[in-house]
Amino acid sequence: MDENLHSPQRRLIELRMEHADLDDLIDRNVLDRPADDLTLRRLKKRRLALRDQIARLESELEPPEPA
């Protein structure tokens, strides 16, 4: 059971959930406080880093397609 807690598939799910949470937070931040550019830039930078991690993990988990 412990191996399921640390599996790459579970990590991918967690990263996707965090990315979705950041999407929501960014959307709310834009609507509520459009003048807070620094916070918005930091959130977007974090979201981009998560997207990169997700893409890297997906490429590791998916087998290469035959030529």
PDB file of N, CA and C in Angstrom:
ATOM      1  N   MET A   1       0.820  -1.202   0.000  1.00  0.00           N
ATOM      2  CA  MET A   1       0.000   0.000   0.000  1.00  0.00           C
ATOM      3  C   MET A   1       0.858   1.258   0.000  1.00  0.00           C
ATOM      4  N   ASP A   2       1.988   1.253   0.698  1.00  0.00           N
ATOM      5  CA  ASP A   2       2.861   2.426   0.726  1.00  0.00           C
ATOM      6  C   ASP A   2       3.369   2.801  -0.655  1.00  0.00           C
ATOM      7  N   GLU A   3       3.590   1.806  -1.498  1.00  0.00           N
ATOM      8  CA  GLU A   3       4.100   2.102  -2.827  1.00  0.00           C
ATOM      9  C   GLU A   3       3.095   2.895  -3.650  1.00  0.00           C
ATOM     10  N   ASN A   4       1.794   2.745  -3.397  1.00  0.00           N
ATOM     11  CA  ASN A   4       0.773   3.523  -4.092  1.00  0.00           C
ATOM     12  C   ASN A   4       0.809   4.990  -3.693  1.00  0.00           C
ATOM     13  N   LEU A   5       1.225   5.271  -2.464  1.00  0.00           N
ATOM     14  CA  LEU A   5       1.289   6.647  -1.997  1.00  0.00           C
ATOM     15  C   LEU A   5       2.391   7.435  -2.687  1.00  0.00           C
ATOM     16  N   HIS A   6       3.401   6.741  -3.192  1.00  0.00           N
ATOM     17  CA  HIS A   6       4.542   7.412  -3.805  1.00  0.00           C
ATOM     18  C   HIS A   6       4.708   7.049  -5.272  1.00  0.00           C
ATOM     19  N   SER A   7       3.674   6.551  -5.890  1.00  0.00           N
ATOM     20  CA  SER A   7       3.764   6.149  -7.289  1.00  0.00           C
ATOM     21  C   SER A   7       3.782   7.383  -8.193  1.00  0.00           C
ATOM     22  N   PRO A   8       4.407   7.247  -9.354  1.00  0.00           N
ATOM     23  CA  PRO A   8       4.423   8.368 -10.307  1.00  0.00           C
ATOM     24  C   PRO A   8       3.012   8.773 -10.746  1.00  0.00           C
ATOM     25  N   GLN A   9       2.115   7.802 -10.864  1.00  0.00           N
ATOM     26  CA  GLN A   9       0.738   8.121 -11.256  1.00  0.00           C
ATOM     27  C   GLN A   9       0.059   9.000 -10.211  1.00  0.00           C
ATOM     28  N   ARG A  10       0.287   8.670  -8.937  1.00  0.00           N
ATOM     29  CA  ARG A  10      -0.308   9.477  -7.867  1.00  0.00           C
ATOM     30  C   ARG A  10       0.290  10.888  -7.862  1.00  0.00           C
ATOM     31  N   ARG A  11       1.595  10.978  -8.071  1.00  0.00           N
ATOM     32  CA  ARG A  11       2.257  12.280  -8.122  1.00  0.00           C
ATOM     33  C   ARG A  11       1.692  13.116  -9.264  1.00  0.00           C
ATOM     34  N   LEU A  12       1.434  12.472 -10.397  1.00  0.00           N
ATOM     35  CA  LEU A  12       0.858  13.167 -11.540  1.00  0.00           C
ATOM     36  C   LEU A  12      -0.525  13.716 -11.199  1.00  0.00           C
ATOM     37  N   ILE A  13      -1.324  12.922 -10.529  1.00  0.00           N
ATOM     38  CA  ILE A  13      -2.654  13.377 -10.110  1.00  0.00           C
ATOM     39  C   ILE A  13      -2.546  14.563  -9.168  1.00  0.00           C
ATOM     40  N   GLU A  14      -1.627  14.495  -8.225  1.00  0.00           N
ATOM     41  CA  GLU A  14      -1.445  15.590  -7.268  1.00  0.00           C
ATOM     42  C   GLU A  14      -1.005  16.871  -7.979  1.00  0.00           C
ATOM     43  N   LEU A  15      -0.093  16.738  -8.936  1.00  0.00           N
ATOM     44  CA  LEU A  15       0.374  17.913  -9.678  1.00  0.00           C
ATOM     45  C   LEU A  15      -0.765  18.529 -10.490  1.00  0.00           C
ATOM     46  N   ARG A  16      -1.572  17.680 -11.108  1.00  0.00           N
ATOM     47  CA  ARG A  16      -2.708  18.192 -11.885  1.00  0.00           C
ATOM     48  C   ARG A  16      -3.720  18.905 -10.994  1.00  0.00           C
ATOM     49  N   MET A  17      -3.937  18.373  -9.806  1.00  0.00           N
ATOM     50  CA  MET A  17      -4.862  19.018  -8.866  1.00  0.00           C
ATOM     51  C   MET A  17      -4.316  20.371  -8.423  1.00  0.00           C
ATOM     52  N   GLU A  18      -3.030  20.420  -8.122  1.00  0.00           N
ATOM     53  CA  GLU A  18      -2.425  21.685  -7.714  1.00  0.00           C
ATOM     54  C   GLU A  18      -2.470  22.701  -8.858  1.00  0.00           C
ATOM     55  N   HIS A  19      -2.259  22.235 -10.086  1.00  0.00           N
ATOM     56  CA  HIS A  19      -2.327  23.116 -11.253  1.00  0.00           C
ATOM     57  C   HIS A  19      -3.745  23.680 -11.415  1.00  0.00           C
ATOM     58  N   ALA A  20      -4.746  22.829 -11.247  1.00  0.00           N
ATOM     59  CA  ALA A  20      -6.136  23.282 -11.348  1.00  0.00           C
ATOM     60  C   ALA A  20      -6.466  24.284 -10.242  1.00  0.00           C
ATOM     61  N   ASP A  21      -5.962  24.035  -9.039  1.00  0.00           N
ATOM     62  CA  ASP A  21      -6.174  24.975  -7.930  1.00  0.00           C
ATOM     63  C   ASP A  21      -5.548  26.331  -8.242  1.00  0.00           C
ATOM     64  N   LEU A  22      -4.357  26.310  -8.829  1.00  0.00           N
ATOM     65  CA  LEU A  22      -3.707  27.563  -9.193  1.00  0.00           C
ATOM     66  C   LEU A  22      -4.483  28.288 -10.292  1.00  0.00           C
ATOM     67  N   ASP A  23      -5.009  27.543 -11.258  1.00  0.00           N
ATOM     68  CA  ASP A  23      -5.849  28.154 -12.294  1.00  0.00           C
ATOM     69  C   ASP A  23      -7.007  28.921 -11.657  1.00  0.00           C
ATOM     70  N   ASP A  24      -7.666  28.264 -10.726  1.00  0.00           N
ATOM     71  CA  ASP A  24      -8.799  28.882 -10.039  1.00  0.00           C
ATOM     72  C   ASP A  24      -8.354  30.111  -9.247  1.00  0.00           C
ATOM     73  N   LEU A  25      -7.248  29.983  -8.543  1.00  0.00           N
ATOM     74  CA  LEU A  25      -6.732  31.091  -7.735  1.00  0.00           C
ATOM     75  C   LEU A  25      -6.354  32.281  -8.606  1.00  0.00           C
ATOM     76  N   ILE A  26      -5.741  32.012  -9.750  1.00  0.00           N
ATOM     77  CA  ILE A  26      -5.362  33.083 -10.673  1.00  0.00           C
ATOM     78  C   ILE A  26      -6.611  33.776 -11.210  1.00  0.00           C
ATOM     79  N   ASP A  27      -7.603  32.988 -11.605  1.00  0.00           N
ATOM     80  CA  ASP A  27      -8.849  33.580 -12.106  1.00  0.00           C
ATOM     81  C   ASP A  27      -9.503  34.473 -11.056  1.00  0.00           C
ATOM     82  N   ARG A  28      -9.562  33.990  -9.814  1.00  0.00           N
ATOM     83  CA  ARG A  28     -10.164  34.794  -8.749  1.00  0.00           C
ATOM     84  C   ARG A  28      -9.334  36.035  -8.451  1.00  0.00           C
ATOM     85  N   ASN A  29      -8.018  35.907  -8.514  1.00  0.00           N
ATOM     86  CA  ASN A  29      -7.136  37.036  -8.236  1.00  0.00           C
ATOM     87  C   ASN A  29      -7.329  38.132  -9.272  1.00  0.00           C
ATOM     88  N   VAL A  30      -7.480  37.753 -10.530  1.00  0.00           N
ATOM     89  CA  VAL A  30      -7.677  38.725 -11.598  1.00  0.00           C
ATOM     90  C   VAL A  30      -8.988  39.481 -11.391  1.00  0.00           C
ATOM     91  N   LEU A  31     -10.024  38.762 -10.976  1.00  0.00           N
ATOM     92  CA  LEU A  31     -11.330  39.400 -10.786  1.00  0.00           C
ATOM     93  C   LEU A  31     -11.379  40.268  -9.533  1.00  0.00           C
ATOM     94  N   ASP A  32     -10.788  39.786  -8.442  1.00  0.00           N
ATOM     95  CA  ASP A  32     -10.896  40.475  -7.162  1.00  0.00           C
ATOM     96  C   ASP A  32      -9.907  41.644  -7.018  1.00  0.00           C
ATOM     97  N   ARG A  33      -8.667  41.390  -7.377  1.00  0.00           N
ATOM     98  CA  ARG A  33      -7.629  42.406  -7.177  1.00  0.00           C
ATOM     99  C   ARG A  33      -6.761  42.524  -8.427  1.00  0.00           C
ATOM    100  N   PRO A  34      -7.266  43.153  -9.460  1.00  0.00           N
ATOM    101  CA  PRO A  34      -6.509  43.214 -10.713  1.00  0.00           C
ATOM    102  C   PRO A  34      -5.208  44.023 -10.609  1.00  0.00           C
ATOM    103  N   ALA A  35      -5.045  44.817  -9.585  1.00  0.00           N
ATOM    104  CA  ALA A  35      -3.861  45.672  -9.469  1.00  0.00           C
ATOM    105  C   ALA A  35      -2.676  44.950  -8.822  1.00  0.00           C
ATOM    106  N   ASP A  36      -2.879  43.753  -8.291  1.00  0.00           N
ATOM    107  CA  ASP A  36      -1.815  43.031  -7.594  1.00  0.00           C
ATOM    108  C   ASP A  36      -0.995  42.212  -8.590  1.00  0.00           C
ATOM    109  N   ASP A  37      -0.172  42.899  -9.368  1.00  0.00           N
ATOM    110  CA  ASP A  37       0.587  42.260 -10.439  1.00  0.00           C
ATOM    111  C   ASP A  37       1.650  41.296  -9.925  1.00  0.00           C
ATOM    112  N   LEU A  38       2.314  41.625  -8.835  1.00  0.00           N
ATOM    113  CA  LEU A  38       3.384  40.771  -8.323  1.00  0.00           C
ATOM    114  C   LEU A  38       2.852  39.395  -7.916  1.00  0.00           C
ATOM    115  N   THR A  39       1.766  39.381  -7.181  1.00  0.00           N
ATOM    116  CA  THR A  39       1.162  38.112  -6.771  1.00  0.00           C
ATOM    117  C   THR A  39       0.722  37.312  -7.987  1.00  0.00           C
ATOM    118  N   LEU A  40       0.117  37.976  -8.941  1.00  0.00           N
ATOM    119  CA  LEU A  40      -0.351  37.308 -10.146  1.00  0.00           C
ATOM    120  C   LEU A  40       0.820  36.707 -10.926  1.00  0.00           C
ATOM    121  N   ARG A  41       1.913  37.445 -11.053  1.00  0.00           N
ATOM    122  CA  ARG A  41       3.089  36.915 -11.760  1.00  0.00           C
ATOM    123  C   ARG A  41       3.665  35.699 -11.048  1.00  0.00           C
ATOM    124  N   ARG A  42       3.706  35.742  -9.726  1.00  0.00           N
ATOM    125  CA  ARG A  42       4.226  34.605  -8.958  1.00  0.00           C
ATOM    126  C   ARG A  42       3.347  33.372  -9.119  1.00  0.00           C
ATOM    127  N   LEU A  43       2.040  33.564  -9.100  1.00  0.00           N
ATOM    128  CA  LEU A  43       1.109  32.450  -9.277  1.00  0.00           C
ATOM    129  C   LEU A  43       1.261  31.838 -10.676  1.00  0.00           C
ATOM    130  N   LYS A  44       1.383  32.693 -11.669  1.00  0.00           N
ATOM    131  CA  LYS A  44       1.521  32.200 -13.036  1.00  0.00           C
ATOM    132  C   LYS A  44       2.847  31.469 -13.234  1.00  0.00           C
ATOM    133  N   LYS A  45       3.888  31.968 -12.588  1.00  0.00           N
ATOM    134  CA  LYS A  45       5.192  31.308 -12.680  1.00  0.00           C
ATOM    135  C   LYS A  45       5.134  29.925 -12.032  1.00  0.00           C
ATOM    136  N   ARG A  46       4.479  29.832 -10.893  1.00  0.00           N
ATOM    137  CA  ARG A  46       4.320  28.539 -10.213  1.00  0.00           C
ATOM    138  C   ARG A  46       3.486  27.581 -11.064  1.00  0.00           C
ATOM    139  N   ARG A  47       2.431  28.107 -11.684  1.00  0.00           N
ATOM    140  CA  ARG A  47       1.579  27.279 -12.536  1.00  0.00           C
ATOM    141  C   ARG A  47       2.364  26.754 -13.735  1.00  0.00           C
ATOM    142  N   LEU A  48       3.214  27.584 -14.309  1.00  0.00           N
ATOM    143  CA  LEU A  48       4.039  27.156 -15.434  1.00  0.00           C
ATOM    144  C   LEU A  48       5.037  26.074 -15.010  1.00  0.00           C
ATOM    145  N   ALA A  49       5.625  26.236 -13.836  1.00  0.00           N
ATOM    146  CA  ALA A  49       6.555  25.223 -13.322  1.00  0.00           C
ATOM    147  C   ALA A  49       5.827  23.892 -13.108  1.00  0.00           C
ATOM    148  N   LEU A  50       4.615  23.951 -12.595  1.00  0.00           N
ATOM    149  CA  LEU A  50       3.817  22.731 -12.412  1.00  0.00           C
ATOM    150  C   LEU A  50       3.511  22.085 -13.757  1.00  0.00           C
ATOM    151  N   ARG A  51       3.182  22.906 -14.747  1.00  0.00           N
ATOM    152  CA  ARG A  51       2.881  22.373 -16.077  1.00  0.00           C
ATOM    153  C   ARG A  51       4.095  21.647 -16.646  1.00  0.00           C
ATOM    154  N   ASP A  52       5.275  22.211 -16.431  1.00  0.00           N
ATOM    155  CA  ASP A  52       6.505  21.564 -16.886  1.00  0.00           C
ATOM    156  C   ASP A  52       6.726  20.235 -16.171  1.00  0.00           C
ATOM    157  N   GLN A  53       6.485  20.210 -14.869  1.00  0.00           N
ATOM    158  CA  GLN A  53       6.636  18.963 -14.111  1.00  0.00           C
ATOM    159  C   GLN A  53       5.651  17.907 -14.599  1.00  0.00           C
ATOM    160  N   ILE A  54       4.424  18.330 -14.872  1.00  0.00           N
ATOM    161  CA  ILE A  54       3.390  17.412 -15.364  1.00  0.00           C
ATOM    162  C   ILE A  54       3.815  16.840 -16.721  1.00  0.00           C
ATOM    163  N   ALA A  55       4.280  17.681 -17.613  1.00  0.00           N
ATOM    164  CA  ALA A  55       4.690  17.227 -18.940  1.00  0.00           C
ATOM    165  C   ALA A  55       5.868  16.260 -18.847  1.00  0.00           C
ATOM    166  N   ARG A  56       6.810  16.557 -17.978  1.00  0.00           N
ATOM    167  CA  ARG A  56       7.973  15.682 -17.813  1.00  0.00           C
ATOM    168  C   ARG A  56       7.542  14.311 -17.280  1.00  0.00           C
ATOM    169  N   LEU A  57       6.678  14.323 -16.278  1.00  0.00           N
ATOM    170  CA  LEU A  57       6.212  13.070 -15.681  1.00  0.00           C
ATOM    171  C   LEU A  57       5.374  12.267 -16.679  1.00  0.00           C
ATOM    172  N   GLU A  58       4.526  12.952 -17.440  1.00  0.00           N
ATOM    173  CA  GLU A  58       3.729  12.257 -18.456  1.00  0.00           C
ATOM    174  C   GLU A  58       4.623  11.597 -19.496  1.00  0.00           C
ATOM    175  N   SER A  59       5.683  12.289 -19.895  1.00  0.00           N
ATOM    176  CA  SER A  59       6.571  11.700 -20.909  1.00  0.00           C
ATOM    177  C   SER A  59       7.323  10.497 -20.354  1.00  0.00           C
ATOM    178  N   GLU A  60       7.597  10.498 -19.055  1.00  0.00           N
ATOM    179  CA  GLU A  60       8.258   9.346 -18.428  1.00  0.00           C
ATOM    180  C   GLU A  60       7.311   8.152 -18.304  1.00  0.00           C
ATOM    181  N   LEU A  61       6.030   8.426 -18.081  1.00  0.00           N
ATOM    182  CA  LEU A  61       5.066   7.357 -17.870  1.00  0.00           C
ATOM    183  C   LEU A  61       4.547   6.748 -19.163  1.00  0.00           C
ATOM    184  N   GLU A  62       4.476   7.546 -20.225  1.00  0.00           N
ATOM    185  CA  GLU A  62       3.943   7.045 -21.485  1.00  0.00           C
ATOM    186  C   GLU A  62       5.060   6.395 -22.287  1.00  0.00           C
ATOM    187  N   PRO A  63       4.811   5.210 -22.784  1.00  0.00           N
ATOM    188  CA  PRO A  63       5.834   4.555 -23.601  1.00  0.00           C
ATOM    189  C   PRO A  63       5.995   5.303 -24.921  1.00  0.00           C
ATOM    190  N   PRO A  64       7.192   5.307 -25.488  1.00  0.00           N
ATOM    191  CA  PRO A  64       7.388   5.986 -26.778  1.00  0.00           C
ATOM    192  C   PRO A  64       6.600   5.290 -27.881  1.00  0.00           C
ATOM    193  N   GLU A  65       6.094   6.074 -28.802  1.00  0.00           N
ATOM    194  CA  GLU A  65       5.324   5.495 -29.898  1.00  0.00           C
ATOM    195  C   GLU A  65       6.275   4.866 -30.918  1.00  0.00           C
ATOM    196  N   PRO A  66       5.864   3.748 -31.477  1.00  0.00           N
ATOM    197  CA  PRO A  66       6.726   3.107 -32.478  1.00  0.00           C
ATOM    198  C   PRO A  66       6.831   3.977 -33.733  1.00  0.00           C
ATOM    199  N   ALA A  67       7.965   3.917 -34.365  1.00  0.00           N
ATOM    200  CA  ALA A  67       8.210   4.733 -35.560  1.00  0.00           C
ATOM    201  C   ALA A  67       7.514   4.194 -36.769  1.00  0.00           C
TER     202      ALA A  67
END
